[in-house]
């Protein structure tokens, strides 16, 4: 199949071609592999190839009624384990440690007929909003190779934006679906807490803040993917009721007239660029033209307090993960990246009582957002505070790395997190993406929609956050926006 034909179809469209016998899974795979080869030197999106396994899968019979039968697919190399193969999590020490069993989402993707042929780049343990692991090098944005595709699902985003695959695996613990979607001109839906299993290796990701999902070029692909992924597992911590109708069916219905509150101020008081503001105001105008009520509304959430609670949980989780890897695999903390060592050292310094009090405050953020959703159906905001930033822009200074290792060795990491150098570094890292963590800590569904490009051609997605069980509302609105301002045919020149 020629690439020019391949790129004209989303995943459901490709599966339909397979179903009708117009193309074979092997032909689709060959096209995806050729595109991977063609773009790898520029993008560095795919860090583990599974060509032979994929060819073997194509040689086997397919259930043509499976929704994605024969469609090439990429896993994110983080918490999307494929039994017997390593999940490096962006980390060199883990690049040769095989996973004992497949993740629930991977098994469901295989059952849906997808042909997995590789795994995509991610920062070490997904702990950055850019994708620049030392183990594999940076992934670059197909729209501008000097810029980041965002993180932590940056490899998947670059692969989808460049046309390697129409949809790819992703996950989101602080914005890691929405950030790269916004930076790469894609659609990205973060499901709500409990909608998709994180098992069997974990009951939940970071107390439910981290969830599994995909990045796609079409809304209907994401809707169909959520139909595949949603639903309980016997080993799951709780049961989320099924939606009243499949999401793919739900998007055939209009969303109705929605009341949407928007804001462009950074929740942590950091600058927001004119491009980010323009993206939101452009979206607001489009929404009004479609009959929705849109007004500026201040979010009743303590943004800085939420950011501190988010980071405290994140650092503590990094500390627990590093400790677990040493206990289970004998990997010393010194084997990980300096940023990981610093975060883990700070996490180890957090007293249990302080962490529990911080996690208890998540309920305050839930209640504040619920008050907002008592007045508005959705919150609209930027995803990014500025257009995609240059590769290396958020690299941690060597001074902080040295200081972090020194205070960790002396057992003084509790003091490190109170220093101006450390706190300023953290704020600088969050300043580009201060809008996304709210949906994670509150467990609410949220999406990034590619409605705006800057004058110099860089994507700037906008974010919508719904209330509890709001996935169908988000998808219906996304489908309406996609029809009003189609983006599927808008692709980078790479």
Protein backbone atom coordinates (compact mmCIF):
# COMPACT_ATOMS: atom_id res chain seq x y z
CA UNK A 1 0.00 0.00 0.00
CA UNK A 2 1.37 3.42 -0.89
CA UNK A 3 1.95 5.81 1.98
CA UNK A 4 -0.15 8.47 0.20
CA UNK A 5 -3.13 6.09 0.41
CA UNK A 6 -2.32 4.81 3.90
CA UNK A 7 -2.28 8.31 5.41
CA UNK A 8 -5.77 9.08 4.09
CA UNK A 9 -7.35 6.60 6.53
CA UNK A 10 -7.73 6.50 10.28
CA UNK A 11 -7.41 3.20 12.13
CA UNK A 12 -11.08 2.28 11.73
CA UNK A 13 -10.79 3.09 8.04
CA UNK A 14 -7.77 0.83 7.61
CA UNK A 15 -9.55 -1.99 9.44
CA UNK A 16 -12.49 -1.57 7.08
CA UNK A 17 -10.15 -1.98 4.09
CA UNK A 18 -8.86 -5.21 5.64
CA UNK A 19 -12.41 -6.37 6.30
CA UNK A 20 -13.36 -5.80 2.67
CA UNK A 21 -10.25 -7.55 1.39
CA UNK A 22 -8.88 -4.42 -0.31
CA UNK A 23 -5.61 -4.57 1.60
CA UNK A 24 -3.88 -7.17 3.77
CA UNK A 25 -2.51 -6.67 7.29
CA UNK A 26 0.97 -7.43 5.90
CA UNK A 27 0.66 -4.60 3.38
CA UNK A 28 -0.36 -2.19 6.12
CA UNK A 29 2.54 -3.35 8.29
CA UNK A 30 5.02 -2.95 5.44
CA UNK A 31 3.85 0.64 4.95
CA UNK A 32 4.14 1.42 8.66
CA UNK A 33 7.63 -0.12 8.86
CA UNK A 34 8.78 1.80 5.79
CA UNK A 35 7.51 5.07 7.27
CA UNK A 36 9.26 4.27 10.54
CA UNK A 37 12.54 3.73 8.67
CA UNK A 38 12.03 6.90 6.65
CA UNK A 39 11.47 9.17 9.66
CA UNK A 40 13.52 7.54 12.41
CA UNK A 41 16.68 9.56 11.86
CA UNK A 42 14.71 12.77 12.17
CA UNK A 43 12.18 11.92 14.89
CA UNK A 44 13.54 9.11 17.06
CA UNK A 45 9.96 8.16 17.92
CA UNK A 46 10.22 4.34 18.01
CA UNK A 47 12.86 2.96 20.36
CA UNK A 48 12.09 -0.77 20.20
CA UNK A 49 11.21 -2.58 16.98
CA UNK A 50 9.17 -5.78 16.94
CA UNK A 51 9.18 -6.36 13.19
CA UNK A 52 9.43 -10.14 13.23
CA UNK A 53 6.75 -10.59 15.89
CA UNK A 54 4.46 -8.31 13.87
CA UNK A 55 5.09 -10.24 10.65
CA UNK A 56 4.29 -13.48 12.44
CA UNK A 57 1.03 -11.95 13.66
CA UNK A 58 0.12 -10.90 10.12
CA UNK A 59 0.65 -14.47 8.93
CA UNK A 60 -2.03 -15.71 11.33
CA UNK A 61 -5.81 -15.54 10.74
CA UNK A 62 -7.62 -12.38 11.85
CA UNK A 63 -11.11 -12.01 13.22
CA UNK A 64 -12.25 -9.45 10.67
CA UNK A 65 -15.08 -8.39 12.98
CA UNK A 66 -12.54 -7.10 15.50
CA UNK A 67 -12.71 -3.29 15.42
CA UNK A 68 -9.05 -2.76 14.52
CA UNK A 69 -8.26 -6.00 12.69
CA UNK A 70 -4.89 -5.82 10.94
CA UNK A 71 -4.06 -2.21 11.86
CA UNK A 72 -0.41 -1.44 12.75
CA UNK A 73 0.04 -0.15 16.30
CA UNK A 74 2.73 1.14 18.66
CA UNK A 75 2.84 0.78 22.43
CA UNK A 76 4.26 3.44 24.67
CA UNK A 77 7.38 2.02 26.33
CA UNK A 78 5.99 2.82 29.78
CA UNK A 79 3.47 0.73 31.75
CA UNK A 80 2.23 -0.94 28.55
CA UNK A 81 3.98 -4.26 29.06
CA UNK A 82 4.08 -7.00 26.44
CA UNK A 83 4.86 -10.34 28.07
CA UNK A 84 8.43 -11.51 27.53
CA UNK A 85 9.70 -8.17 26.23
CA UNK A 86 11.29 -5.33 28.19
CA UNK A 87 9.46 -2.15 29.05
CA UNK A 88 12.37 0.22 29.45
CA UNK A 89 10.25 3.09 30.83
CA UNK A 90 12.82 5.37 29.20
CA UNK A 91 15.51 3.92 31.47
CA UNK A 92 18.68 2.15 30.37
CA UNK A 93 18.80 -0.31 33.34
CA UNK A 94 15.33 -1.62 32.45
CA UNK A 95 15.93 -2.00 28.73
CA UNK A 96 16.87 -5.67 29.17
CA UNK A 97 14.39 -6.68 31.90
CA UNK A 98 11.53 -8.71 30.33
CA UNK A 99 7.97 -8.13 31.50
CA UNK A 100 6.46 -11.23 33.15
CA UNK A 101 2.96 -10.60 31.77
CA UNK A 102 1.11 -8.29 29.44
CA UNK A 103 -0.76 -5.23 30.68
CA UNK A 104 -4.54 -5.40 30.52
CA UNK A 105 -4.65 -2.65 27.90
CA UNK A 106 -2.12 -4.50 25.71
CA UNK A 107 -4.13 -7.70 25.87
CA UNK A 108 -7.27 -5.78 24.92
CA UNK A 109 -5.49 -4.11 22.01
CA UNK A 110 -4.34 -7.51 20.77
CA UNK A 111 -7.88 -8.88 21.10
CA UNK A 112 -9.11 -5.89 19.08
CA UNK A 113 -6.92 -7.04 16.18
CA UNK A 114 -4.09 -4.51 16.35
CA UNK A 115 -0.66 -5.52 15.06
CA UNK A 116 1.96 -4.33 17.55
CA UNK A 117 5.31 -3.66 15.87
CA UNK A 118 7.18 -1.41 18.28
CA UNK A 119 7.37 0.72 21.41
CA UNK A 120 7.72 4.49 21.55
CA UNK A 121 10.10 6.82 23.32
CA UNK A 122 9.32 8.31 26.72
CA UNK A 123 11.25 10.21 29.42
CA UNK A 124 12.58 8.07 32.25
CA UNK A 125 9.53 6.80 34.18
CA UNK A 126 7.37 9.35 32.35
CA UNK A 127 8.44 12.01 34.81
CA UNK A 128 8.85 14.95 32.41
CA UNK A 129 6.61 16.97 30.11
CA UNK A 130 9.22 16.59 27.34
CA UNK A 131 10.60 13.38 25.82
CA UNK A 132 14.37 13.52 26.19
CA UNK A 133 15.63 10.40 27.99
CA UNK A 134 19.39 9.98 28.27
CA UNK A 135 18.99 6.30 27.40
CA UNK A 136 17.50 6.86 23.93
CA UNK A 137 17.92 10.54 23.13
CA UNK A 138 15.24 13.12 22.41
CA UNK A 139 12.18 12.65 20.25
CA UNK A 140 11.54 15.59 17.91
CA UNK A 141 8.33 17.25 16.82
CA UNK A 142 7.37 16.49 13.19
CA UNK A 143 6.07 20.06 12.80
CA UNK A 144 9.47 21.53 13.69
CA UNK A 145 12.43 19.23 14.37
CA UNK A 146 14.05 21.73 16.72
CA UNK A 147 11.02 21.55 19.03
CA UNK A 148 9.76 18.99 21.53
CA UNK A 149 6.66 16.88 20.85
CA UNK A 150 5.94 17.15 24.57
CA UNK A 151 5.87 14.32 27.03
CA UNK A 152 5.67 11.88 28.37
CA UNK A 153 3.90 10.24 25.41
CA UNK A 154 6.08 12.20 22.99
CA UNK A 155 7.26 9.20 21.00
CA UNK A 156 3.69 8.08 20.34
CA UNK A 157 2.62 11.61 19.41
CA UNK A 158 5.48 12.06 16.97
CA UNK A 159 4.71 8.68 15.38
CA UNK A 160 1.02 9.49 14.88
CA UNK A 161 1.65 13.04 13.67
CA UNK A 162 4.23 11.76 11.14
CA UNK A 163 1.82 9.14 9.80
CA UNK A 164 3.65 6.04 11.03
CA UNK A 165 0.42 4.87 12.65
CA UNK A 166 -3.03 6.46 12.86
CA UNK A 167 -3.31 5.83 16.60
CA UNK A 168 -0.81 4.82 19.31
CA UNK A 169 -0.70 3.87 22.97
CA UNK A 170 -0.27 6.62 25.56
CA UNK A 171 -0.89 7.28 29.23
CA UNK A 172 -1.39 10.35 31.37
CA UNK A 173 -0.31 11.01 34.96
CA UNK A 174 0.01 14.79 34.77
CA UNK A 175 -0.86 15.67 31.20
CA UNK A 176 1.09 13.05 29.25
CA UNK A 177 -1.67 12.45 26.68
CA UNK A 178 -2.92 16.02 26.38
CA UNK A 179 0.48 17.77 26.29
CA UNK A 180 1.89 15.85 23.28
CA UNK A 181 -1.52 15.96 21.57
CA UNK A 182 -1.50 19.74 21.87
CA UNK A 183 2.11 19.99 20.69
CA UNK A 184 1.66 17.68 17.69
CA UNK A 185 -1.78 18.60 16.33
CA UNK A 186 -3.54 15.44 17.54
CA UNK A 187 -6.63 14.50 19.49
CA UNK A 188 -5.93 13.24 22.99
CA UNK A 189 -8.51 12.05 25.53
CA UNK A 190 -7.53 11.30 29.12
CA UNK A 191 -10.20 8.97 30.55
CA UNK A 192 -11.48 9.48 34.06
CA UNK A 193 -10.18 7.55 37.03
CA UNK A 194 -11.20 3.89 36.99
CA UNK A 195 -12.54 3.89 33.44
CA UNK A 196 -9.55 1.88 32.09
CA UNK A 197 -7.63 -0.79 33.97
CA UNK A 198 -4.04 -0.13 35.05
CA UNK A 199 -3.50 -3.81 35.88
CA UNK A 200 -2.41 -6.39 36.42
CA UNK A 201 0.85 -4.94 37.68
CA UNK A 202 -0.84 -2.10 39.56
CA UNK A 203 -4.29 -1.44 40.96
CA UNK A 204 -4.02 2.23 40.00
CA UNK A 205 -1.33 4.58 38.74
CA UNK A 206 -0.36 7.13 41.39
CA UNK A 207 -3.55 6.67 43.40
CA UNK A 208 -5.63 6.92 40.26
CA UNK A 209 -4.06 10.10 38.92
CA UNK A 210 -2.37 8.19 36.08
CA UNK A 211 -4.51 6.47 33.44
CA UNK A 212 -4.09 4.61 30.15
CA UNK A 213 -5.28 5.80 26.74
CA UNK A 214 -4.27 6.66 23.19
CA UNK A 215 -3.33 9.49 20.84
CA UNK A 216 -5.13 9.67 17.52
CA UNK A 217 -5.81 11.74 14.43
CA UNK A 218 -9.57 11.19 14.51
CA UNK A 219 -12.15 11.44 17.27
CA UNK A 220 -13.85 8.23 16.21
CA UNK A 221 -10.62 6.26 16.64
CA UNK A 222 -10.32 7.49 20.22
CA UNK A 223 -13.99 6.70 20.86
CA UNK A 224 -13.62 3.18 19.50
CA UNK A 225 -10.40 2.71 21.48
CA UNK A 226 -12.19 3.70 24.68
CA UNK A 227 -14.87 1.13 23.87
CA UNK A 228 -12.09 -1.48 23.65
CA UNK A 229 -10.31 -0.37 26.84
CA UNK A 230 -13.12 0.56 29.21
CA UNK A 231 -14.59 -1.98 31.58
CA UNK A 232 -13.55 -3.75 34.75
CA UNK A 233 -11.03 -6.51 35.32
CA UNK A 234 -11.45 -9.12 38.04
CA UNK A 235 -8.25 -7.94 39.74
CA UNK A 236 -9.23 -4.26 39.56
CA UNK A 237 -9.82 -2.17 42.70
CA UNK A 238 -13.40 -1.23 41.82
CA UNK A 239 -16.09 -1.45 39.15
CA UNK A 240 -16.85 1.52 36.89
CA UNK A 241 -20.34 1.18 35.38
CA UNK A 242 -20.36 0.84 31.61
CA UNK A 243 -21.56 3.83 29.60
CA UNK A 244 -25.22 3.65 28.52
CA UNK A 245 -24.09 3.20 24.91
CA UNK A 246 -20.77 2.57 23.16
CA UNK A 247 -18.68 5.72 22.79
CA UNK A 248 -18.41 5.18 19.04
CA UNK A 249 -22.19 5.26 18.88
CA UNK A 250 -22.44 8.22 21.27
CA UNK A 251 -20.42 10.52 19.01
CA UNK A 252 -23.13 10.23 16.36
CA UNK A 253 -25.29 12.40 18.62
CA UNK A 254 -24.96 16.17 19.03
CA UNK A 255 -23.62 17.31 22.42
CA UNK A 256 -26.53 19.71 22.97
CA UNK A 257 -26.05 23.30 24.07
CA UNK A 258 -23.24 23.32 26.62
CA UNK A 259 -22.31 25.96 29.14
CA UNK A 260 -18.54 26.33 29.08
CA UNK A 261 -16.37 28.43 31.36
CA UNK A 262 -12.92 29.36 30.11
CA UNK A 263 -9.78 30.86 31.60
CA UNK A 264 -6.31 31.60 30.30
CA UNK A 265 -4.51 32.51 33.52
CA UNK A 266 -1.88 30.06 34.69
CA UNK A 267 -3.06 28.27 37.86
CA UNK A 268 0.42 28.77 39.34
CA UNK A 269 0.79 32.42 38.36
CA UNK A 270 3.37 31.91 35.62
CA UNK A 271 3.27 33.69 32.22
CA UNK A 272 0.92 32.58 29.45
CA UNK A 273 1.84 33.48 25.88
CA UNK A 274 -0.30 35.45 23.46
CA UNK A 275 -0.50 32.34 21.25
CA UNK A 276 -2.01 30.25 24.07
CA UNK A 277 -4.54 32.98 24.84
CA UNK A 278 -5.38 33.29 21.16
CA UNK A 279 -5.96 29.53 20.91
CA UNK A 280 -8.53 29.61 23.73
CA UNK A 281 -10.31 32.70 22.45
CA UNK A 282 -10.44 31.18 18.97
CA UNK A 283 -11.98 28.02 20.44
CA UNK A 284 -14.48 30.09 22.43
CA UNK A 285 -15.58 31.90 19.27
CA UNK A 286 -15.98 28.61 17.41
CA UNK A 287 -18.02 27.14 20.28
CA UNK A 288 -20.32 30.16 20.33
CA UNK A 289 -20.83 29.84 16.57
CA UNK A 290 -21.98 26.28 17.21
CA UNK A 291 -24.60 27.45 19.71
CA UNK A 292 -22.79 26.86 23.01
CA UNK A 293 -22.76 29.39 25.84
CA UNK A 294 -19.18 30.40 26.57
CA UNK A 295 -17.98 32.85 29.20
CA UNK A 296 -14.82 33.66 31.08
CA UNK A 297 -14.89 32.05 34.52
CA UNK A 298 -12.35 31.87 37.30
CA UNK A 299 -11.63 28.33 38.39
CA UNK A 300 -12.22 28.02 42.17
CA UNK A 301 -9.15 25.85 42.69
CA UNK A 302 -5.97 26.65 44.61
CA UNK A 303 -3.66 26.13 41.64
CA UNK A 304 -0.39 26.52 43.50
CA UNK A 305 -1.56 24.27 46.32
CA UNK A 306 -2.66 21.65 43.81
CA UNK A 307 0.71 21.82 42.06
CA UNK A 308 2.51 21.26 45.36
CA UNK A 309 0.29 18.30 46.20
CA UNK A 310 0.82 16.86 42.74
CA UNK A 311 4.61 17.16 42.99
CA UNK A 312 4.73 15.72 46.50
CA UNK A 313 2.87 12.64 45.28
CA UNK A 314 5.05 12.43 42.16
CA UNK A 315 8.36 12.62 44.04
CA UNK A 316 7.18 10.12 46.62
CA UNK A 317 6.13 7.73 43.85
CA UNK A 318 9.54 8.10 42.22
CA UNK A 319 11.19 7.22 45.53
CA UNK A 320 9.00 4.13 45.93
CA UNK A 321 9.66 3.03 42.33
CA UNK A 322 13.43 3.37 42.65
CA UNK A 323 13.31 1.45 45.94
CA UNK A 324 11.18 -1.30 44.39
CA UNK A 325 13.51 -1.70 41.40
CA UNK A 326 16.49 -2.08 43.71
CA UNK A 327 14.69 -4.69 45.81
CA UNK A 328 13.29 -6.69 42.88
CA UNK A 329 16.01 -6.34 40.23
CA UNK A 330 19.04 -5.19 42.20
CA UNK A 331 19.29 -1.93 40.23
CA UNK A 332 21.13 0.69 42.26
CA UNK A 333 19.69 4.23 42.36
CA UNK A 334 22.95 5.51 40.87
CA UNK A 335 22.03 3.75 37.60
CA UNK A 336 19.15 6.13 36.93
CA UNK A 337 19.21 9.62 35.44
CA UNK A 338 20.21 12.55 37.66
CA UNK A 339 16.68 13.98 37.53
CA UNK A 340 15.24 10.66 38.70
CA UNK A 341 17.78 10.44 41.51
CA UNK A 342 16.91 13.97 42.61
CA UNK A 343 13.17 13.37 42.60
CA UNK A 344 13.56 10.06 44.42
CA UNK A 345 15.85 11.61 47.03
CA UNK A 346 13.33 14.35 47.70
CA UNK A 347 10.53 11.77 47.83
CA UNK A 348 12.40 9.75 50.43
CA UNK A 349 12.63 12.87 52.61
CA UNK A 350 8.84 13.32 52.76
CA UNK A 351 7.44 12.15 56.12
CA UNK A 352 4.52 9.74 55.87
CA UNK A 353 2.24 12.11 57.76
CA UNK A 354 3.01 14.96 55.35
CA UNK A 355 2.29 12.74 52.35
CA UNK A 356 -1.01 11.51 53.83
CA UNK A 357 -2.12 15.05 54.62
CA UNK A 358 -1.25 16.08 51.07
CA UNK A 359 -3.23 13.20 49.59
CA UNK A 360 -6.16 14.08 51.82
CA UNK A 361 -6.19 17.53 50.21
CA UNK A 362 -6.97 15.91 46.85
CA UNK A 363 -10.56 15.81 48.10
CA UNK A 364 -10.51 19.60 48.48
CA UNK A 365 -9.48 19.93 44.84
CA UNK A 366 -12.24 17.47 43.86
CA UNK A 367 -14.85 19.50 45.69
CA UNK A 368 -13.63 22.79 44.23
CA UNK A 369 -13.80 21.44 40.68
CA UNK A 370 -17.21 19.90 41.41
CA UNK A 371 -18.47 23.37 42.42
CA UNK A 372 -17.28 24.67 39.07
CA UNK A 373 -19.04 21.84 37.25
CA UNK A 374 -22.18 22.67 39.22
CA UNK A 375 -22.29 25.85 37.13
CA UNK A 376 -20.57 24.79 33.90
CA UNK A 377 -20.54 21.64 31.83
CA UNK A 378 -16.87 22.06 30.88
CA UNK A 379 -13.76 24.05 31.70
CA UNK A 380 -11.82 25.34 28.68
CA UNK A 381 -8.16 26.36 28.96
CA UNK A 382 -4.87 26.17 27.12
CA UNK A 383 -2.94 22.92 27.31
CA UNK A 384 0.42 24.61 26.79
CA UNK A 385 1.33 28.04 28.12
CA UNK A 386 3.38 28.65 24.96
CA UNK A 387 4.07 26.91 21.64
CA UNK A 388 6.21 23.74 21.72
CA UNK A 389 9.56 24.62 23.29
CA UNK A 390 13.04 23.89 21.89
CA UNK A 391 14.70 20.54 22.55
CA UNK A 392 16.81 20.87 25.71
CA UNK A 393 15.00 23.96 26.98
CA UNK A 394 14.00 22.27 30.25
CA UNK A 395 17.25 20.39 30.84
CA UNK A 396 18.16 20.49 34.53
CA UNK A 397 21.31 22.41 35.34
CA UNK A 398 24.46 20.52 36.26
CA UNK A 399 24.61 22.64 39.43
CA UNK A 400 21.33 21.21 40.65
CA UNK A 401 22.36 17.67 39.70
CA UNK A 402 25.56 17.99 41.73
CA UNK A 403 23.71 19.57 44.63
CA UNK A 404 21.05 16.87 44.55
CA UNK A 405 23.54 14.02 44.66
CA UNK A 406 25.52 15.72 47.42
CA UNK A 407 22.58 16.37 49.72
CA UNK A 408 21.23 12.87 49.06
CA UNK A 409 24.57 11.40 50.09
CA UNK A 410 24.48 13.52 53.26
CA UNK A 411 20.83 12.67 53.95
CA UNK A 412 19.74 16.30 53.56
CA UNK A 413 17.25 15.98 50.70
CA UNK A 414 14.51 17.38 52.91
CA UNK A 415 16.45 20.65 52.91
CA UNK A 416 16.99 20.52 49.14
CA UNK A 417 13.28 20.72 48.37
CA UNK A 418 13.07 23.93 50.40
CA UNK A 419 15.86 25.72 48.56
CA UNK A 420 15.12 28.46 46.02
CA UNK A 421 17.23 26.63 43.38
CA UNK A 422 15.13 23.48 43.61
CA UNK A 423 11.76 25.22 43.85
CA UNK A 424 12.54 27.56 40.93
CA UNK A 425 13.56 24.57 38.80
CA UNK A 426 10.26 22.86 39.55
CA UNK A 427 8.20 25.96 38.77
CA UNK A 428 10.12 26.46 35.52
CA UNK A 429 9.28 22.90 34.48
CA UNK A 430 5.58 23.28 35.33
CA UNK A 431 5.32 26.76 33.81
CA UNK A 432 4.99 25.39 30.26
CA UNK A 433 2.18 22.99 31.23
CA UNK A 434 0.42 24.31 34.38
CA UNK A 435 -3.13 23.51 33.22
CA UNK A 436 -3.15 19.72 33.02
CA UNK A 437 -2.49 18.36 36.53
CA UNK A 438 -5.95 19.34 37.81
CA UNK A 439 -7.71 16.62 35.83
CA UNK A 440 -5.25 14.02 37.12
CA UNK A 441 -5.55 14.75 40.82
CA UNK A 442 -9.34 15.02 40.60
CA UNK A 443 -9.65 11.97 38.35
CA UNK A 444 -11.83 13.81 35.85
CA UNK A 445 -11.78 13.11 32.11
CA UNK A 446 -10.16 15.75 29.92
CA UNK A 447 -9.13 16.18 26.30
CA UNK A 448 -6.87 18.21 24.05
CA UNK A 449 -8.43 19.24 20.73
CA UNK A 450 -6.28 20.49 17.79
CA UNK A 451 -8.15 23.62 16.74
CA UNK A 452 -5.36 26.20 16.45
CA UNK A 453 -1.99 26.61 14.76
CA UNK A 454 0.32 29.57 15.37
CA UNK A 455 1.23 31.92 12.51
CA UNK A 456 4.51 30.03 12.07
CA UNK A 457 2.69 26.71 11.81
CA UNK A 458 2.99 25.12 15.27
CA UNK A 459 0.00 23.30 16.80
CA UNK A 460 -1.57 24.66 20.00
CA UNK A 461 -4.32 22.36 21.26
CA UNK A 462 -6.92 23.51 23.78
CA UNK A 463 -8.09 21.60 26.84
CA UNK A 464 -11.60 20.72 27.98
CA UNK A 465 -12.16 19.21 31.44
CA UNK A 466 -15.48 17.50 32.20
CA UNK A 467 -17.11 16.40 35.41
CA UNK A 468 -17.36 12.86 36.69
CA UNK A 469 -18.25 10.32 33.98
CA UNK A 470 -17.94 13.01 31.31
CA UNK A 471 -16.15 11.03 28.60
CA UNK A 472 -19.21 10.81 26.33
CA UNK A 473 -19.84 14.56 26.59
CA UNK A 474 -16.23 15.30 25.69
CA UNK A 475 -16.25 12.93 22.73
CA UNK A 476 -19.54 14.32 21.40
CA UNK A 477 -18.19 17.85 21.56
CA UNK A 478 -14.90 16.78 19.97
CA UNK A 479 -16.78 15.16 17.10
CA UNK A 480 -18.78 18.36 16.59
CA UNK A 481 -15.60 20.47 16.60
CA UNK A 482 -13.89 18.04 14.24
CA UNK A 483 -16.75 18.40 11.78
CA UNK A 484 -16.81 22.20 12.11
CA UNK A 485 -13.05 22.59 11.70
CA UNK A 486 -11.54 19.37 10.29
CA UNK A 487 -7.93 18.70 11.22
CA UNK A 488 -7.39 15.16 9.91
CA UNK A 489 -5.85 16.31 6.64
CA UNK A 490 -3.55 18.83 8.31
CA UNK A 491 -0.16 17.14 8.52
CA UNK A 492 3.48 18.18 8.95
CA UNK A 493 5.69 18.30 5.88
CA UNK A 494 8.16 15.69 7.16
